[in-house]
């Protein structure tokens, strides 16, 4: 997430500086690879590189390939095969035993279609409802296979689309054609985009292919899972990377003590959207957390009205005030938050639940499954920085549906 944010910010500087830029996207991977599909790297004509596609072994060659793309404007796909042991001696020396395909495209600073194609989505829905359906791709009016008067073809501004998903904090789907065989009315680099409000736009001219991609984009949206699809067609076939674009993870930190500072800092290193919620004096709280994306000042009993909570929210309660924690847990437990971590020993949390039961509040099994107390992974944390590391690591494991154990004990590929 942080990588994509850095790329978007870097391209803004590229546009103001008048430089030429290209973007490389890992669209397909098999075997053992350092990065997975969706990894990106921005490159400029003067040698700047933002993001990564590997542990550092592919970037130099990809940059060399990008030089030609920045000149010609024609997208290319480069494949790196390290399945053979001979690659260690004669190839790039990766020894990773995997294959990756990387799409390299020139980034256009301004497209005549940018304003036509940019569809401002609606504000974020804080209700956590994901049951929306995708609208049909817009018909005539310059959205599929658009040409200008000179016959030059323009593509959708996919970086503007990615920026929308980040800034408006919504999930989107980006389907990118990266391989064509036979007679197919599509080109490498043509796309279908599912905007946060459900609007679908595409510059893929093949209607049969477009219909299939749209159906799979809906499934990817519903499953919240990226995939690579091969589409057999009457006169050929197409391969498409269907990518679910994840917005920044919303982390709510309840409490503005000194131990919340390293938690904020580590979470923002990952590109998360961090909100600090507290009931202390406004100036004191904001000065302690100047980099927070948002600071909300409210009493614990007022958070249901003041704080947006949905099924993507990760919440950590660390007020160091028992009565405040009791009020917070009373609201957060039945809310749709995905993760609820409570700082403090297990005995303290047990007392919280005893007091809640005396008030007639008994948590359900589903609610307890979202509860993490004591918060954090067991890494022997003691200092505020170490505790913050254990909390962020646990949240990341929950986001990835992983256990958070040591990789040496994992059977099978790392990324599965």
Protein backbone atom coordinates (compact mmCIF):
# COMPACT_ATOMS: atom_id res chain seq x y z
CA UNK A 1 0.00 0.00 0.00
CA UNK A 2 2.76 2.44 0.94
CA UNK A 3 4.51 1.60 -2.32
CA UNK A 4 1.53 2.65 -4.42
CA UNK A 5 1.14 5.84 -2.41
CA UNK A 6 4.81 6.66 -3.03
CA UNK A 7 4.40 6.00 -6.76
CA UNK A 8 1.36 8.28 -7.00
CA UNK A 9 3.20 11.04 -5.11
CA UNK A 10 6.31 10.62 -7.28
CA UNK A 11 4.31 10.89 -10.49
CA UNK A 12 2.80 14.16 -9.32
CA UNK A 13 6.34 15.50 -9.09
CA UNK A 14 7.16 14.06 -12.51
CA UNK A 15 4.27 15.97 -14.06
CA UNK A 16 5.38 19.27 -12.56
CA UNK A 17 9.00 18.63 -13.56
CA UNK A 18 8.25 17.81 -17.18
CA UNK A 19 10.04 14.44 -17.09
CA UNK A 20 9.15 11.30 -19.02
CA UNK A 21 8.10 8.31 -16.92
CA UNK A 22 7.18 4.66 -17.25
CA UNK A 23 5.53 2.23 -14.88
CA UNK A 24 6.29 -1.47 -14.57
CA UNK A 25 3.64 -3.79 -13.14
CA UNK A 26 4.18 -7.42 -12.20
CA UNK A 27 1.13 -9.01 -13.84
CA UNK A 28 1.84 -12.75 -13.50
CA UNK A 29 4.02 -14.92 -11.29
CA UNK A 30 4.52 -18.64 -10.87
CA UNK A 31 6.83 -20.63 -8.67
CA UNK A 32 8.91 -18.93 -5.98
CA UNK A 33 9.11 -15.17 -6.51
CA UNK A 34 10.03 -12.27 -4.22
CA UNK A 35 6.97 -10.15 -5.17
CA UNK A 36 3.47 -11.09 -6.24
CA UNK A 37 1.25 -9.71 -9.02
CA UNK A 38 0.38 -6.08 -8.38
CA UNK A 39 3.90 -5.00 -7.43
CA UNK A 40 4.83 -1.78 -9.24
CA UNK A 41 7.80 0.43 -9.98
CA UNK A 42 7.83 3.96 -11.40
CA UNK A 43 10.84 4.98 -13.50
CA UNK A 44 11.81 8.35 -14.92
CA UNK A 45 14.05 9.25 -17.83
CA UNK A 46 16.66 10.69 -15.47
CA UNK A 47 17.06 7.43 -13.52
CA UNK A 48 14.67 7.80 -10.58
CA UNK A 49 12.99 4.56 -9.47
CA UNK A 50 10.16 4.33 -6.93
CA UNK A 51 8.79 0.95 -5.83
CA UNK A 52 10.17 -2.53 -6.46
CA UNK A 53 9.50 -5.70 -8.42
CA UNK A 54 11.97 -8.00 -6.71
CA UNK A 55 14.60 -7.97 -4.02
CA UNK A 56 16.72 -5.75 -6.24
CA UNK A 57 17.79 -8.21 -8.91
CA UNK A 58 15.31 -7.31 -11.69
CA UNK A 59 15.03 -3.57 -11.32
CA UNK A 60 18.14 -2.65 -13.30
CA UNK A 61 17.14 -4.69 -16.35
CA UNK A 62 13.53 -3.49 -16.16
CA UNK A 63 14.80 0.10 -16.14
CA UNK A 64 16.83 -0.57 -19.30
CA UNK A 65 13.74 -2.04 -20.99
CA UNK A 66 11.73 0.97 -19.91
CA UNK A 67 14.01 3.38 -21.73
CA UNK A 68 12.76 2.11 -25.09
CA UNK A 69 9.15 2.21 -23.87
CA UNK A 70 9.51 5.84 -22.76
CA UNK A 71 10.70 6.69 -26.26
CA UNK A 72 8.25 4.64 -28.34
CA UNK A 73 5.20 4.82 -26.10
CA UNK A 74 4.43 1.18 -26.95
CA UNK A 75 3.85 -1.09 -23.92
CA UNK A 76 5.82 -4.34 -23.69
CA UNK A 77 5.76 -7.44 -21.49
CA UNK A 78 9.07 -8.85 -20.30
CA UNK A 79 9.37 -12.33 -18.84
CA UNK A 80 12.05 -13.37 -16.35
CA UNK A 81 12.43 -17.13 -15.96
CA UNK A 82 14.58 -18.37 -13.08
CA UNK A 83 13.24 -21.92 -12.96
CA UNK A 84 16.46 -23.31 -14.41
CA UNK A 85 19.59 -23.70 -12.30
CA UNK A 86 21.55 -22.36 -15.27
CA UNK A 87 20.13 -18.91 -14.57
CA UNK A 88 22.42 -18.62 -11.56
CA UNK A 89 25.41 -18.84 -13.87
CA UNK A 90 24.23 -17.47 -17.22
CA UNK A 91 21.19 -15.36 -16.34
CA UNK A 92 20.48 -12.70 -13.77
CA UNK A 93 21.71 -14.88 -10.93
CA UNK A 94 18.39 -14.85 -9.08
CA UNK A 95 18.18 -18.46 -8.00
CA UNK A 96 14.53 -17.88 -7.01
CA UNK A 97 13.05 -20.77 -9.01
CA UNK A 98 10.14 -18.74 -10.38
CA UNK A 99 8.78 -16.95 -13.43
CA UNK A 100 7.47 -13.38 -13.53
CA UNK A 101 5.93 -11.35 -16.33
CA UNK A 102 6.20 -7.58 -16.11
CA UNK A 103 4.20 -5.06 -18.13
CA UNK A 104 6.07 -1.84 -18.86
CA UNK A 105 4.13 1.23 -20.05
CA UNK A 106 4.86 4.88 -20.61
CA UNK A 107 2.88 7.17 -18.34
CA UNK A 108 1.21 10.01 -20.18
CA UNK A 109 1.26 13.22 -18.17
CA UNK A 110 -1.97 14.51 -19.64
CA UNK A 111 -4.37 12.57 -21.81
CA UNK A 112 -7.12 14.36 -23.76
CA UNK A 113 -9.46 11.82 -22.18
CA UNK A 114 -8.45 12.40 -18.58
CA UNK A 115 -11.37 14.68 -17.78
CA UNK A 116 -13.83 12.58 -19.80
CA UNK A 117 -12.80 9.33 -18.17
CA UNK A 118 -12.31 10.57 -14.65
CA UNK A 119 -15.54 9.81 -12.81
CA UNK A 120 -15.44 11.21 -9.26
CA UNK A 121 -16.78 8.46 -7.00
CA UNK A 122 -19.16 9.13 -4.17
CA UNK A 123 -17.83 9.76 -0.65
CA UNK A 124 -16.79 6.69 1.36
CA UNK A 125 -19.66 4.57 2.64
CA UNK A 126 -19.02 4.07 6.32
CA UNK A 127 -21.64 1.38 6.61
CA UNK A 128 -19.34 -1.38 5.40
CA UNK A 129 -21.75 -2.51 2.68
CA UNK A 130 -19.97 -4.26 -0.18
CA UNK A 131 -22.99 -5.78 -1.88
CA UNK A 132 -22.94 -3.42 -4.84
CA UNK A 133 -23.09 -4.65 -8.43
CA UNK A 134 -21.03 -3.38 -11.29
CA UNK A 135 -22.67 -1.04 -13.76
CA UNK A 136 -22.45 -1.77 -17.46
CA UNK A 137 -19.49 -0.24 -19.31
CA UNK A 138 -20.50 3.13 -20.62
CA UNK A 139 -21.54 3.07 -24.29
CA UNK A 140 -20.47 5.45 -27.02
CA UNK A 141 -18.93 8.75 -26.09
CA UNK A 142 -15.27 7.91 -26.11
CA UNK A 143 -14.86 5.04 -23.69
CA UNK A 144 -13.89 2.05 -25.81
CA UNK A 145 -11.16 2.12 -28.40
CA UNK A 146 -11.12 5.90 -28.51
CA UNK A 147 -9.22 7.67 -31.27
CA UNK A 148 -8.53 11.34 -31.78
CA UNK A 149 -8.72 13.14 -35.13
CA UNK A 150 -5.21 12.03 -36.11
CA UNK A 151 -6.06 8.36 -35.53
CA UNK A 152 -3.90 8.06 -32.43
CA UNK A 153 -5.34 5.80 -29.77
CA UNK A 154 -5.71 6.89 -26.15
CA UNK A 155 -5.97 4.61 -23.15
CA UNK A 156 -7.71 5.01 -19.85
CA UNK A 157 -5.78 6.85 -17.18
CA UNK A 158 -5.23 3.93 -14.83
CA UNK A 159 -2.95 5.86 -12.49
CA UNK A 160 -5.73 8.41 -11.92
CA UNK A 161 -8.00 5.47 -11.12
CA UNK A 162 -5.50 4.09 -8.60
CA UNK A 163 -5.23 7.55 -7.06
CA UNK A 164 -9.00 7.69 -6.61
CA UNK A 165 -9.01 4.34 -4.81
CA UNK A 166 -6.28 5.55 -2.46
CA UNK A 167 -7.54 9.04 -1.73
CA UNK A 168 -11.23 8.14 -1.46
CA UNK A 169 -10.40 4.98 0.49
CA UNK A 170 -12.53 2.59 -1.55
CA UNK A 171 -11.93 -0.82 -3.11
CA UNK A 172 -11.69 -0.86 -6.91
CA UNK A 173 -10.90 -3.44 -9.59
CA UNK A 174 -8.41 -2.94 -12.42
CA UNK A 175 -8.33 -5.55 -15.21
CA UNK A 176 -5.31 -5.27 -17.51
CA UNK A 177 -4.78 -7.14 -20.78
CA UNK A 178 -1.13 -8.24 -20.92
CA UNK A 179 -1.05 -11.02 -23.52
CA UNK A 180 -2.85 -11.43 -26.86
CA UNK A 181 -2.77 -14.28 -29.36
CA UNK A 182 -4.60 -14.36 -32.69
CA UNK A 183 -7.20 -11.87 -33.83
CA UNK A 184 -8.53 -10.15 -30.74
CA UNK A 185 -9.89 -6.60 -30.66
CA UNK A 186 -7.78 -5.60 -27.71
CA UNK A 187 -4.21 -4.51 -27.17
CA UNK A 188 -1.64 -5.07 -24.47
CA UNK A 189 -2.26 -2.41 -21.85
CA UNK A 190 -5.98 -1.96 -22.53
CA UNK A 191 -8.11 -2.13 -19.42
CA UNK A 192 -11.39 -2.38 -17.64
CA UNK A 193 -11.78 -0.30 -14.50
CA UNK A 194 -14.37 -0.74 -11.78
CA UNK A 195 -14.66 2.55 -9.95
CA UNK A 196 -15.50 2.74 -6.25
CA UNK A 197 -19.09 3.76 -6.97
CA UNK A 198 -19.61 0.75 -9.26
CA UNK A 199 -19.05 2.61 -12.54
CA UNK A 200 -17.28 0.47 -15.15
CA UNK A 201 -15.13 1.96 -17.91
CA UNK A 202 -13.05 0.21 -20.51
CA UNK A 203 -11.07 0.72 -23.69
CA UNK A 204 -11.26 -2.97 -24.68
CA UNK A 205 -13.02 -3.15 -28.05
CA UNK A 206 -13.71 -6.90 -28.15
CA UNK A 207 -17.26 -7.14 -26.76
CA UNK A 208 -17.07 -10.89 -26.07
CA UNK A 209 -13.83 -10.47 -24.14
CA UNK A 210 -15.17 -7.41 -22.34
CA UNK A 211 -18.25 -9.28 -21.12
CA UNK A 212 -16.17 -12.11 -19.68
CA UNK A 213 -13.74 -9.75 -17.97
CA UNK A 214 -16.60 -7.77 -16.48
CA UNK A 215 -18.11 -10.91 -14.98
CA UNK A 216 -14.78 -11.97 -13.47
CA UNK A 217 -14.15 -8.44 -12.21
CA UNK A 218 -17.42 -8.65 -10.29
CA UNK A 219 -16.32 -11.96 -8.77
CA UNK A 220 -12.90 -10.54 -7.83
CA UNK A 221 -14.67 -7.58 -6.22
CA UNK A 222 -16.99 -9.85 -4.23
CA UNK A 223 -14.20 -12.24 -3.20
CA UNK A 224 -11.73 -9.39 -2.57
CA UNK A 225 -9.08 -11.42 -4.38
CA UNK A 226 -6.90 -10.65 -7.40
CA UNK A 227 -6.47 -13.25 -10.13
CA UNK A 228 -5.04 -13.93 -13.60
CA UNK A 229 -7.47 -15.22 -16.24
CA UNK A 230 -6.99 -16.70 -19.71
CA UNK A 231 -9.90 -16.10 -22.10
CA UNK A 232 -10.24 -18.40 -25.15
CA UNK A 233 -11.94 -16.53 -27.99
CA UNK A 234 -13.14 -17.65 -31.47
CA UNK A 235 -10.04 -16.29 -33.23
CA UNK A 236 -7.49 -16.21 -30.44
CA UNK A 237 -7.09 -15.73 -26.72
CA UNK A 238 -6.26 -13.05 -24.18
CA UNK A 239 -4.61 -13.13 -20.76
CA UNK A 240 -5.75 -10.58 -18.19
CA UNK A 241 -4.59 -9.58 -14.71
CA UNK A 242 -7.66 -8.74 -12.62
CA UNK A 243 -6.43 -6.77 -9.64
CA UNK A 244 -8.38 -5.76 -6.56
CA UNK A 245 -7.05 -2.36 -5.52
CA UNK A 246 -7.00 -2.13 -1.76
CA UNK A 247 -7.37 1.30 -0.17
CA UNK A 248 -5.30 2.23 2.89
CA UNK A 249 -6.08 0.14 5.96
CA UNK A 250 -8.14 2.24 8.41
CA UNK A 251 -6.59 1.98 11.87
CA UNK A 252 -8.39 3.58 14.82
CA UNK A 253 -6.20 4.15 17.88
CA UNK A 254 -8.34 4.85 20.94
CA UNK A 255 -6.07 6.64 23.38
CA UNK A 256 -3.43 9.33 23.00
CA UNK A 257 -0.74 8.17 25.40
CA UNK A 258 2.96 8.15 24.58
CA UNK A 259 2.78 4.47 23.58
CA UNK A 260 0.36 5.38 20.79
CA UNK A 261 3.05 7.43 19.04
CA UNK A 262 5.19 4.47 17.80
CA UNK A 263 2.01 2.60 16.83
CA UNK A 264 0.98 5.53 14.65
CA UNK A 265 4.45 5.78 13.13
CA UNK A 266 4.77 2.07 12.27
CA UNK A 267 1.25 1.91 10.84
CA UNK A 268 1.93 4.88 8.58
CA UNK A 269 5.14 3.22 7.38
CA UNK A 270 2.82 0.60 5.90
CA UNK A 271 0.62 3.27 4.34
CA UNK A 272 -2.33 2.80 6.69
CA UNK A 273 -4.84 5.58 7.33
CA UNK A 274 -4.51 6.27 11.05
CA UNK A 275 -7.07 8.05 13.19
CA UNK A 276 -6.34 8.89 16.82
CA UNK A 277 -9.43 9.11 19.03
CA UNK A 278 -9.18 10.69 22.47
CA UNK A 279 -11.06 12.92 24.89
CA UNK A 280 -8.15 15.08 26.01
CA UNK A 281 -7.45 18.71 25.19
CA UNK A 282 -7.43 19.33 21.45
CA UNK A 283 -4.13 21.20 21.21
CA UNK A 284 -2.25 18.66 23.32
CA UNK A 285 -3.50 15.66 21.34
CA UNK A 286 -2.89 17.20 17.91
CA UNK A 287 0.59 18.38 18.80
CA UNK A 288 1.54 14.89 19.94
CA UNK A 289 0.24 13.32 16.71
CA UNK A 290 1.00 15.85 13.96
CA UNK A 291 1.28 13.14 11.29
CA UNK A 292 -2.04 11.45 12.11
CA UNK A 293 -4.42 11.38 9.17
CA UNK A 294 -7.21 12.39 11.52
CA UNK A 295 -7.61 13.29 15.20
CA UNK A 296 -11.08 12.94 16.70
CA UNK A 297 -11.86 14.30 20.15
CA UNK A 298 -14.86 12.71 21.80
CA UNK A 299 -15.97 11.10 25.01
CA UNK A 300 -15.92 7.26 24.94
CA UNK A 301 -19.71 7.08 25.12
CA UNK A 302 -19.97 9.29 22.01
CA UNK A 303 -17.83 7.33 19.57
CA UNK A 304 -20.75 5.70 17.75
CA UNK A 305 -21.76 9.15 16.46
CA UNK A 306 -18.29 10.69 16.09
CA UNK A 307 -16.20 7.82 14.69
CA UNK A 308 -16.82 5.96 11.39
CA UNK A 309 -16.68 2.20 11.96
CA UNK A 310 -17.05 -0.39 9.19
CA UNK A 311 -15.97 -3.93 8.36
CA UNK A 312 -12.51 -2.78 7.27
CA UNK A 313 -11.73 -0.89 10.47
CA UNK A 314 -8.91 -2.13 12.70
CA UNK A 315 -9.40 -0.78 16.24
CA UNK A 316 -6.92 -0.72 19.12
CA UNK A 317 -8.04 0.35 22.59
CA UNK A 318 -5.18 1.74 24.68
CA UNK A 319 -6.55 4.57 26.82
CA UNK A 320 -4.99 3.29 30.08
CA UNK A 321 -8.28 4.20 31.72
CA UNK A 322 -10.46 1.27 32.80
CA UNK A 323 -13.79 3.10 32.70
CA UNK A 324 -13.02 4.60 29.31
CA UNK A 325 -12.08 1.16 27.98
CA UNK A 326 -15.35 -0.25 29.33
CA UNK A 327 -17.38 2.32 27.42
CA UNK A 328 -15.31 1.85 24.28
CA UNK A 329 -15.58 -1.94 24.28
CA UNK A 330 -19.34 -1.62 24.86
CA UNK A 331 -19.61 0.21 21.54
CA UNK A 332 -16.83 -1.46 19.54
CA UNK A 333 -17.71 -5.07 20.32
CA UNK A 334 -21.11 -5.09 18.53
CA UNK A 335 -19.82 -2.82 15.74
CA UNK A 336 -18.71 -4.24 12.37
CA UNK A 337 -14.98 -3.60 12.97
CA UNK A 338 -12.77 -6.39 11.62
CA UNK A 339 -10.24 -6.31 14.45
CA UNK A 340 -10.56 -5.18 18.06
CA UNK A 341 -7.37 -5.21 20.10
CA UNK A 342 -7.29 -4.28 23.78
CA UNK A 343 -4.06 -3.34 25.51
CA UNK A 344 -3.50 -4.84 28.93
CA UNK A 345 -3.30 -8.23 30.64
CA UNK A 346 -5.89 -10.93 30.07
CA UNK A 347 -7.20 -10.57 33.63
CA UNK A 348 -8.09 -6.92 32.93
CA UNK A 349 -10.06 -7.87 29.83
CA UNK A 350 -11.84 -10.62 31.76
CA UNK A 351 -12.91 -8.02 34.32
CA UNK A 352 -14.16 -5.78 31.47
CA UNK A 353 -16.39 -8.59 30.25
CA UNK A 354 -17.62 -9.39 33.74
CA UNK A 355 -18.71 -5.78 34.13
CA UNK A 356 -20.35 -5.84 30.73
CA UNK A 357 -22.28 -8.98 31.62
CA UNK A 358 -23.53 -7.27 34.78
CA UNK A 359 -24.93 -4.60 32.46
CA UNK A 360 -26.70 -7.30 30.44
CA UNK A 361 -24.15 -7.34 27.58
CA UNK A 362 -22.95 -10.80 26.54
CA UNK A 363 -20.66 -10.98 23.49
CA UNK A 364 -21.47 -13.44 20.73
CA UNK A 365 -19.01 -16.01 19.43
CA UNK A 366 -18.59 -13.98 16.24
CA UNK A 367 -17.74 -10.87 18.23
CA UNK A 368 -15.20 -12.77 20.33
CA UNK A 369 -13.48 -14.04 17.18
CA UNK A 370 -12.70 -10.43 16.27
CA UNK A 371 -11.31 -9.71 19.74
CA UNK A 372 -7.53 -9.77 20.33
CA UNK A 373 -6.61 -9.35 23.97
CA UNK A 374 -3.94 -9.04 25.09
CA UNK A 375 -3.30 -7.22 21.84
CA UNK A 376 -0.28 -8.12 19.70
CA UNK A 377 1.84 -11.13 18.75
CA UNK A 378 3.98 -12.85 21.35
CA UNK A 379 7.44 -11.52 20.43
CA UNK A 380 8.60 -10.66 23.92
CA UNK A 381 7.67 -6.99 23.52
CA UNK A 382 8.38 -4.66 26.44
CA UNK A 383 9.06 -1.10 25.24
CA UNK A 384 6.37 1.04 23.50
CA UNK A 385 8.16 0.54 20.17
CA UNK A 386 8.29 -3.24 20.59
CA UNK A 387 4.64 -3.36 21.65
CA UNK A 388 3.71 -1.27 18.60
CA UNK A 389 5.62 -3.73 16.39
CA UNK A 390 3.75 -6.69 17.88
CA UNK A 391 0.39 -4.94 17.35
CA UNK A 392 1.08 -3.95 13.75
CA UNK A 393 2.36 -7.46 12.98
CA UNK A 394 -0.78 -9.03 14.42
CA UNK A 395 -3.05 -6.71 12.45
CA UNK A 396 -1.12 -7.48 9.25
CA UNK A 397 -1.54 -11.21 9.92
CA UNK A 398 -5.29 -10.75 10.38
CA UNK A 399 -5.51 -8.74 7.16
CA UNK A 400 -3.70 -11.50 5.27
CA UNK A 401 -5.63 -14.30 7.03
CA UNK A 402 -2.36 -15.73 8.32
CA UNK A 403 -1.52 -17.10 11.75
CA UNK A 404 1.50 -14.89 12.37
CA UNK A 405 3.85 -17.80 13.09
CA UNK A 406 7.43 -18.32 11.93
CA UNK A 407 7.89 -18.98 8.21
CA UNK A 408 10.28 -21.82 8.98
CA UNK A 409 7.29 -23.78 10.30
CA UNK A 410 5.16 -23.10 7.22
CA UNK A 411 4.52 -25.92 4.79
CA UNK A 412 4.25 -24.87 1.15
CA UNK A 413 4.95 -21.58 -0.62
CA UNK A 414 5.44 -18.40 1.43
CA UNK A 415 2.71 -16.42 -0.33
CA UNK A 416 -0.06 -19.04 -0.16
